[in-house]
Amino acid sequence: MQNSDTDLLFPMRVIPHLKNLRDSEWQALIDDVIKNDGDPISQMAFVMMMVGMGGCQTCNTHSFRAMRGCTQCGQQTIRRFRGTDSELIENFNNARIEVESYIKKRRADTTSSI
């Protein structure tokens, strides 16, 4: 069984569907991430955060999560998070720091090899 809402990793197209699941601090984060001229680092960080929280790396075509689809899985992941919105924002900020660090390291590696 294949679901057209199932991707290999958490897809950015699902982010708007998570907006109304939490309070205003979370909703503001979603607005920042999905705006048209959105920061690609923020977008990567959000996807990375959701991949980690939702366990996307262990999802496969025969799993219940895949049968439900990424939208429902992502919504369930956010609904089941027992921390505060501030903790979710902190998770996002940590993911953002990790993405920025990776990009800086890659740039340094690229320039040193030239």
N, C-alpha and C. Protein backbone atom coordinates (compact mmCIF):
# COMPACT_ATOMS: atom_id res chain seq x y z
N MET A 1 0.84 -1.18 0.00
CA MET A 1 0.00 0.00 0.00
C MET A 1 0.88 1.24 0.00
N GLN A 2 0.65 2.15 -0.92
CA GLN A 2 1.45 3.36 -1.01
C GLN A 2 0.55 4.57 -0.81
N ASN A 3 0.99 5.48 0.04
CA ASN A 3 0.23 6.68 0.35
C ASN A 3 0.91 7.86 -0.35
N SER A 4 0.16 8.65 -1.07
CA SER A 4 0.74 9.78 -1.80
C SER A 4 1.21 10.89 -0.86
N ASP A 5 0.86 10.80 0.42
CA ASP A 5 1.28 11.80 1.41
C ASP A 5 2.53 11.34 2.17
N THR A 6 3.18 10.29 1.71
CA THR A 6 4.35 9.75 2.39
C THR A 6 5.61 10.04 1.59
N ASP A 7 6.58 10.63 2.27
CA ASP A 7 7.86 10.96 1.66
C ASP A 7 8.97 10.22 2.41
N LEU A 8 10.18 10.32 1.88
CA LEU A 8 11.31 9.66 2.51
C LEU A 8 11.64 10.28 3.87
N LEU A 9 11.65 11.60 3.93
CA LEU A 9 11.86 12.34 5.17
C LEU A 9 10.76 13.38 5.30
N PHE A 10 10.68 14.03 6.44
CA PHE A 10 9.64 15.02 6.67
C PHE A 10 9.65 16.10 5.59
N PRO A 11 8.54 16.25 4.86
CA PRO A 11 8.49 17.22 3.76
C PRO A 11 8.07 18.62 4.23
N MET A 12 8.67 19.64 3.65
CA MET A 12 8.33 21.01 4.01
C MET A 12 6.87 21.36 3.74
N ARG A 13 6.26 20.69 2.79
CA ARG A 13 4.87 21.00 2.45
C ARG A 13 3.91 20.73 3.60
N VAL A 14 4.35 19.98 4.61
CA VAL A 14 3.50 19.64 5.75
C VAL A 14 3.55 20.72 6.83
N ILE A 15 4.58 21.56 6.82
CA ILE A 15 4.77 22.54 7.90
C ILE A 15 3.53 23.40 8.15
N PRO A 16 2.86 23.95 7.13
CA PRO A 16 1.68 24.77 7.40
C PRO A 16 0.57 24.01 8.14
N HIS A 17 0.51 22.71 7.98
CA HIS A 17 -0.52 21.89 8.64
C HIS A 17 -0.27 21.72 10.14
N LEU A 18 0.88 22.18 10.61
CA LEU A 18 1.22 22.04 12.03
C LEU A 18 0.95 23.33 12.80
N LYS A 19 0.61 24.38 12.11
CA LYS A 19 0.52 25.71 12.72
C LYS A 19 -0.47 25.79 13.88
N ASN A 20 -1.66 25.32 13.71
CA ASN A 20 -2.71 25.53 14.71
C ASN A 20 -2.75 24.46 15.80
N LEU A 21 -1.68 23.70 15.93
CA LEU A 21 -1.65 22.63 16.93
C LEU A 21 -1.14 23.11 18.29
N ARG A 22 -0.51 24.27 18.33
CA ARG A 22 0.07 24.80 19.56
C ARG A 22 -0.31 26.27 19.71
N ASP A 23 0.27 26.92 20.70
CA ASP A 23 -0.06 28.31 21.00
C ASP A 23 0.67 29.30 20.09
N SER A 24 0.55 30.58 20.41
CA SER A 24 1.01 31.66 19.55
C SER A 24 2.52 31.64 19.29
N GLU A 25 3.32 31.24 20.26
CA GLU A 25 4.77 31.18 20.05
C GLU A 25 5.12 30.18 18.94
N TRP A 26 4.47 29.03 18.96
CA TRP A 26 4.65 28.01 17.93
C TRP A 26 4.14 28.51 16.59
N GLN A 27 2.98 29.13 16.59
CA GLN A 27 2.39 29.65 15.36
C GLN A 27 3.28 30.70 14.71
N ALA A 28 3.92 31.54 15.53
CA ALA A 28 4.84 32.55 15.00
C ALA A 28 6.06 31.87 14.35
N LEU A 29 6.55 30.80 14.96
CA LEU A 29 7.67 30.06 14.38
C LEU A 29 7.28 29.49 13.02
N ILE A 30 6.11 28.88 12.95
CA ILE A 30 5.64 28.31 11.68
C ILE A 30 5.54 29.41 10.63
N ASP A 31 4.98 30.55 10.99
CA ASP A 31 4.87 31.67 10.04
C ASP A 31 6.25 32.09 9.53
N ASP A 32 7.23 32.17 10.43
CA ASP A 32 8.58 32.56 10.02
C ASP A 32 9.20 31.54 9.08
N VAL A 33 8.98 30.27 9.35
CA VAL A 33 9.59 29.22 8.54
C VAL A 33 8.96 29.12 7.16
N ILE A 34 7.66 29.34 7.06
CA ILE A 34 6.98 29.13 5.77
C ILE A 34 6.81 30.39 4.92
N LYS A 35 7.22 31.55 5.42
CA LYS A 35 7.04 32.76 4.61
C LYS A 35 7.78 32.62 3.28
N ASN A 36 7.29 33.32 2.26
CA ASN A 36 7.80 33.17 0.90
C ASN A 36 9.30 33.37 0.78
N ASP A 37 9.83 34.35 1.47
CA ASP A 37 11.27 34.58 1.40
C ASP A 37 11.96 33.96 2.60
N GLY A 38 11.42 32.84 3.04
CA GLY A 38 11.91 32.16 4.24
C GLY A 38 13.39 31.83 4.18
N ASP A 39 13.98 31.84 5.34
CA ASP A 39 15.39 31.53 5.49
C ASP A 39 15.61 30.03 5.28
N PRO A 40 16.43 29.65 4.30
CA PRO A 40 16.63 28.22 4.04
C PRO A 40 17.25 27.48 5.23
N ILE A 41 18.04 28.16 6.04
CA ILE A 41 18.63 27.51 7.21
C ILE A 41 17.53 27.18 8.22
N SER A 42 16.58 28.10 8.39
CA SER A 42 15.45 27.83 9.29
C SER A 42 14.60 26.68 8.76
N GLN A 43 14.42 26.64 7.47
CA GLN A 43 13.62 25.56 6.88
C GLN A 43 14.31 24.21 7.07
N MET A 44 15.63 24.19 6.82
CA MET A 44 16.37 22.93 7.05
C MET A 44 16.33 22.53 8.51
N ALA A 45 16.47 23.50 9.40
CA ALA A 45 16.46 23.21 10.84
C ALA A 45 15.10 22.66 11.26
N PHE A 46 14.03 23.22 10.73
CA PHE A 46 12.70 22.73 11.10
C PHE A 46 12.51 21.30 10.62
N VAL A 47 12.90 21.04 9.39
CA VAL A 47 12.78 19.68 8.86
C VAL A 47 13.63 18.72 9.69
N MET A 48 14.84 19.12 10.02
CA MET A 48 15.72 18.27 10.83
C MET A 48 15.11 18.00 12.21
N MET A 49 14.52 19.02 12.81
CA MET A 49 13.87 18.84 14.11
C MET A 49 12.73 17.83 14.01
N MET A 50 11.91 17.98 12.98
CA MET A 50 10.77 17.07 12.81
C MET A 50 11.21 15.65 12.49
N VAL A 51 12.27 15.50 11.71
CA VAL A 51 12.81 14.17 11.40
C VAL A 51 13.22 13.48 12.70
N GLY A 52 13.90 14.22 13.56
CA GLY A 52 14.33 13.65 14.83
C GLY A 52 13.17 13.33 15.76
N MET A 53 12.23 14.24 15.87
CA MET A 53 11.10 14.03 16.78
C MET A 53 10.16 12.94 16.28
N GLY A 54 9.95 12.90 14.97
CA GLY A 54 8.99 11.96 14.40
C GLY A 54 9.57 10.60 14.05
N GLY A 55 10.88 10.48 14.10
CA GLY A 55 11.51 9.20 13.77
C GLY A 55 11.43 8.86 12.30
N CYS A 56 11.52 9.86 11.45
CA CYS A 56 11.40 9.64 10.00
C CYS A 56 12.44 8.65 9.48
N GLN A 57 13.62 8.62 10.09
CA GLN A 57 14.68 7.75 9.58
C GLN A 57 14.34 6.27 9.72
N THR A 58 13.39 5.92 10.59
CA THR A 58 13.01 4.52 10.74
C THR A 58 11.68 4.19 10.06
N CYS A 59 11.09 5.17 9.41
CA CYS A 59 9.82 4.96 8.72
C CYS A 59 10.08 4.20 7.42
N ASN A 60 9.20 3.28 7.09
CA ASN A 60 9.32 2.56 5.82
C ASN A 60 7.93 2.31 5.26
N THR A 61 7.85 1.82 4.05
CA THR A 61 6.56 1.69 3.37
C THR A 61 5.58 0.77 4.08
N HIS A 62 6.08 -0.10 4.93
CA HIS A 62 5.19 -1.03 5.62
C HIS A 62 4.83 -0.59 7.03
N SER A 63 5.30 0.58 7.43
CA SER A 63 5.02 1.04 8.79
C SER A 63 3.66 1.74 8.84
N PHE A 64 3.10 1.74 10.03
CA PHE A 64 1.82 2.40 10.25
C PHE A 64 1.94 3.89 9.95
N ARG A 65 3.08 4.48 10.32
CA ARG A 65 3.29 5.91 10.07
C ARG A 65 3.22 6.21 8.57
N ALA A 66 3.86 5.39 7.77
CA ALA A 66 3.86 5.62 6.32
C ALA A 66 2.46 5.44 5.74
N MET A 67 1.72 4.50 6.26
CA MET A 67 0.36 4.29 5.76
C MET A 67 -0.53 5.49 6.07
N ARG A 68 -0.30 6.14 7.20
CA ARG A 68 -1.09 7.32 7.57
C ARG A 68 -0.66 8.54 6.77
N GLY A 69 0.63 8.64 6.44
CA GLY A 69 1.13 9.77 5.69
C GLY A 69 1.86 10.77 6.58
N CYS A 70 2.67 11.59 5.94
CA CYS A 70 3.52 12.53 6.66
C CYS A 70 2.72 13.63 7.38
N THR A 71 1.62 14.07 6.78
CA THR A 71 0.84 15.13 7.41
C THR A 71 0.28 14.67 8.74
N GLN A 72 -0.36 13.53 8.76
CA GLN A 72 -0.93 13.02 10.01
C GLN A 72 0.15 12.66 11.02
N CYS A 73 1.24 12.09 10.54
CA CYS A 73 2.34 11.73 11.43
C CYS A 73 2.95 12.98 12.06
N GLY A 74 3.18 14.02 11.26
CA GLY A 74 3.73 15.26 11.78
C GLY A 74 2.80 15.91 12.79
N GLN A 75 1.52 15.91 12.50
CA GLN A 75 0.55 16.48 13.44
C GLN A 75 0.54 15.69 14.75
N GLN A 76 0.58 14.39 14.65
CA GLN A 76 0.60 13.55 15.85
C GLN A 76 1.88 13.79 16.66
N THR A 77 2.99 13.95 15.98
CA THR A 77 4.26 14.20 16.66
C THR A 77 4.18 15.48 17.48
N ILE A 78 3.63 16.54 16.90
CA ILE A 78 3.52 17.81 17.62
C ILE A 78 2.48 17.72 18.73
N ARG A 79 1.36 17.07 18.48
CA ARG A 79 0.33 16.91 19.52
C ARG A 79 0.86 16.12 20.71
N ARG A 80 1.66 15.11 20.45
CA ARG A 80 2.16 14.24 21.52
C ARG A 80 3.34 14.84 22.29
N PHE A 81 3.92 15.92 21.77
CA PHE A 81 5.04 16.54 22.48
C PHE A 81 4.52 17.10 23.80
N ARG A 82 5.08 16.63 24.89
CA ARG A 82 4.57 16.99 26.21
C ARG A 82 5.21 18.24 26.80
N GLY A 83 6.19 18.79 26.12
CA GLY A 83 6.83 20.00 26.61
C GLY A 83 6.03 21.24 26.24
N THR A 84 6.57 22.38 26.60
CA THR A 84 5.93 23.66 26.29
C THR A 84 6.31 24.11 24.89
N ASP A 85 5.63 25.15 24.44
CA ASP A 85 6.01 25.75 23.16
C ASP A 85 7.45 26.26 23.22
N SER A 86 7.83 26.80 24.36
CA SER A 86 9.20 27.30 24.52
C SER A 86 10.21 26.18 24.34
N GLU A 87 9.89 24.99 24.81
CA GLU A 87 10.79 23.85 24.64
C GLU A 87 10.85 23.43 23.17
N LEU A 88 9.74 23.49 22.48
CA LEU A 88 9.75 23.21 21.04
C LEU A 88 10.61 24.23 20.30
N ILE A 89 10.47 25.49 20.66
CA ILE A 89 11.27 26.54 20.04
C ILE A 89 12.75 26.31 20.35
N GLU A 90 13.05 25.88 21.56
CA GLU A 90 14.44 25.57 21.92
C GLU A 90 14.97 24.41 21.08
N ASN A 91 14.15 23.39 20.86
CA ASN A 91 14.54 22.27 19.98
C ASN A 91 14.86 22.79 18.58
N PHE A 92 14.00 23.69 18.08
CA PHE A 92 14.23 24.29 16.77
C PHE A 92 15.53 25.08 16.75
N ASN A 93 15.74 25.90 17.77
CA ASN A 93 16.97 26.71 17.82
C ASN A 93 18.21 25.84 17.89
N ASN A 94 18.15 24.73 18.62
CA ASN A 94 19.28 23.79 18.66
C ASN A 94 19.53 23.17 17.30
N ALA A 95 18.47 22.82 16.59
CA ALA A 95 18.60 22.27 15.23
C ALA A 95 19.20 23.33 14.30
N ARG A 96 18.79 24.55 14.47
CA ARG A 96 19.32 25.65 13.64
C ARG A 96 20.81 25.83 13.88
N ILE A 97 21.23 25.79 15.13
CA ILE A 97 22.66 25.90 15.46
C ILE A 97 23.44 24.76 14.82
N GLU A 98 22.87 23.56 14.86
CA GLU A 98 23.53 22.40 14.25
C GLU A 98 23.66 22.56 12.74
N VAL A 99 22.62 23.05 12.09
CA VAL A 99 22.67 23.26 10.64
C VAL A 99 23.70 24.33 10.30
N GLU A 100 23.69 25.44 11.03
CA GLU A 100 24.67 26.51 10.79
C GLU A 100 26.10 26.01 10.98
N SER A 101 26.31 25.23 12.02
CA SER A 101 27.63 24.67 12.29
C SER A 101 28.09 23.76 11.15
N TYR A 102 27.19 22.93 10.67
CA TYR A 102 27.52 22.02 9.56
C TYR A 102 27.90 22.82 8.31
N ILE A 103 27.13 23.86 8.02
CA ILE A 103 27.39 24.66 6.82
C ILE A 103 28.75 25.36 6.94
N LYS A 104 29.04 25.92 8.11
CA LYS A 104 30.34 26.58 8.31
C LYS A 104 31.48 25.59 8.15
N LYS A 105 31.32 24.40 8.70
CA LYS A 105 32.36 23.38 8.58
C LYS A 105 32.57 22.99 7.13
N ARG A 106 31.49 22.80 6.40
CA ARG A 106 31.60 22.43 4.97
C ARG A 106 32.28 23.55 4.18
N ARG A 107 31.95 24.78 4.48
CA ARG A 107 32.60 25.90 3.78
C ARG A 107 34.09 25.92 4.08
N ALA A 108 34.44 25.70 5.33
CA ALA A 108 35.85 25.69 5.73
C ALA A 108 36.58 24.54 5.04
N ASP A 109 35.95 23.38 4.98
CA ASP A 109 36.55 22.23 4.30
C ASP A 109 36.74 22.50 2.81
N THR A 110 35.77 23.16 2.20
CA THR A 110 35.83 23.46 0.77
C THR A 110 36.93 24.48 0.48
N THR A 111 37.03 25.52 1.29
CA THR A 111 38.04 26.54 1.02
C THR A 111 39.45 26.05 1.33
N SER A 112 39.59 25.15 2.30
CA SER A 112 40.92 24.64 2.63
C SER A 112 41.44 23.65 1.60
N SER A 113 40.54 23.06 0.83
CA SER A 113 40.97 22.08 -0.16
C SER A 113 41.29 22.72 -1.52
N ILE A 114 41.06 24.01 -1.62
CA ILE A 114 41.31 24.71 -2.90
C ILE A 114 42.75 25.15 -2.98
